[in-house]
């Protein structure tokens, strides 16, 4: 499995706003904007690479991805 990001943190933070909604690993409700480090702690580098790649390919203003564990990640283009 991949353990490092394909894109730099600087690139991701400059081009996207990362919003997380749902439940974290401790079953607490969350609904907030996070940075790359916060997103990495919640979902891991493999999913970040996958979601950023899909968001760049789609060209839309918002790309929403839902995980089976009850977490929704939205990437808003700046």
Protein backbone atom coordinates (compact mmCIF):
# COMPACT_ATOMS: atom_id res chain seq x y z
CA UNK A 1 0.00 0.00 0.00
CA UNK A 2 0.98 3.58 -0.50
CA UNK A 3 2.07 5.55 2.52
CA UNK A 4 3.00 8.84 0.93
CA UNK A 5 1.14 11.49 -1.00
CA UNK A 6 1.42 11.84 -4.77
CA UNK A 7 0.75 15.56 -4.49
CA UNK A 8 2.48 18.00 -2.16
CA UNK A 9 0.64 19.34 0.86
CA UNK A 10 1.22 22.82 -0.48
CA UNK A 11 -0.49 21.97 -3.80
CA UNK A 12 -3.50 20.39 -2.09
CA UNK A 13 -4.00 23.20 0.44
CA UNK A 14 -3.64 25.88 -2.26
CA UNK A 15 -6.15 24.30 -4.65
CA UNK A 16 -8.76 22.68 -2.40
CA UNK A 17 -10.75 23.22 0.76
CA UNK A 18 -11.17 19.89 2.53
CA UNK A 19 -14.37 19.42 4.51
CA UNK A 20 -15.11 16.34 6.59
CA UNK A 21 -18.58 15.38 7.79
CA UNK A 22 -19.74 12.36 9.74
CA UNK A 23 -18.25 10.30 12.56
CA UNK A 24 -14.58 9.96 13.44
CA UNK A 25 -12.89 6.83 14.84
CA UNK A 26 -14.11 7.68 18.39
CA UNK A 27 -17.76 7.94 17.19
CA UNK A 28 -17.84 11.71 17.70
CA UNK A 29 -19.73 13.88 15.21
CA UNK A 30 -17.51 16.09 13.10
CA UNK A 31 -18.36 18.75 10.52
CA UNK A 32 -15.35 20.92 9.83
CA UNK A 33 -12.71 22.08 7.41
CA UNK A 34 -9.39 20.30 7.79
CA UNK A 35 -5.94 20.54 6.27
CA UNK A 36 -4.00 17.76 4.64
CA UNK A 37 -2.52 16.65 7.95
CA UNK A 38 -5.97 16.39 9.56
CA UNK A 39 -7.38 14.51 6.59
CA UNK A 40 -4.40 12.15 6.62
CA UNK A 41 -5.10 11.36 10.27
CA UNK A 42 -8.74 10.57 9.48
CA UNK A 43 -8.56 8.60 6.22
CA UNK A 44 -4.92 7.96 5.28
CA UNK A 45 -2.70 8.83 2.33
CA UNK A 46 -4.11 6.17 -0.01
CA UNK A 47 -7.61 7.65 0.05
CA UNK A 48 -6.26 11.22 -0.20
CA UNK A 49 -4.39 10.31 -3.40
CA UNK A 50 -7.49 8.66 -4.81
CA UNK A 51 -9.82 11.56 -3.97
CA UNK A 52 -7.47 14.30 -5.22
CA UNK A 53 -6.96 12.44 -8.49
CA UNK A 54 -10.71 12.13 -9.01
CA UNK A 55 -11.32 15.77 -8.10
CA UNK A 56 -8.71 16.99 -10.58
CA UNK A 57 -10.05 14.73 -13.34
CA UNK A 58 -13.68 15.81 -12.83
CA UNK A 59 -13.03 19.53 -13.13
CA UNK A 60 -16.06 20.32 -10.96
CA UNK A 61 -16.25 22.88 -8.15
CA UNK A 62 -17.08 20.24 -5.55
CA UNK A 63 -16.16 16.58 -5.38
CA UNK A 64 -17.85 14.53 -2.65
CA UNK A 65 -16.73 11.07 -1.54
CA UNK A 66 -18.39 8.84 1.04
CA UNK A 67 -16.63 6.15 3.02
CA UNK A 68 -18.37 3.09 4.40
CA UNK A 69 -17.40 4.00 7.94
CA UNK A 70 -19.83 6.95 7.92
CA UNK A 71 -17.46 9.68 6.83
CA UNK A 72 -18.05 12.08 3.95
CA UNK A 73 -15.16 14.05 2.43
CA UNK A 74 -15.86 17.05 0.21
CA UNK A 75 -13.14 18.75 -1.83
CA UNK A 76 -14.02 22.29 -2.89
CA UNK A 77 -11.91 23.81 -5.65
CA UNK A 78 -10.61 27.30 -4.89
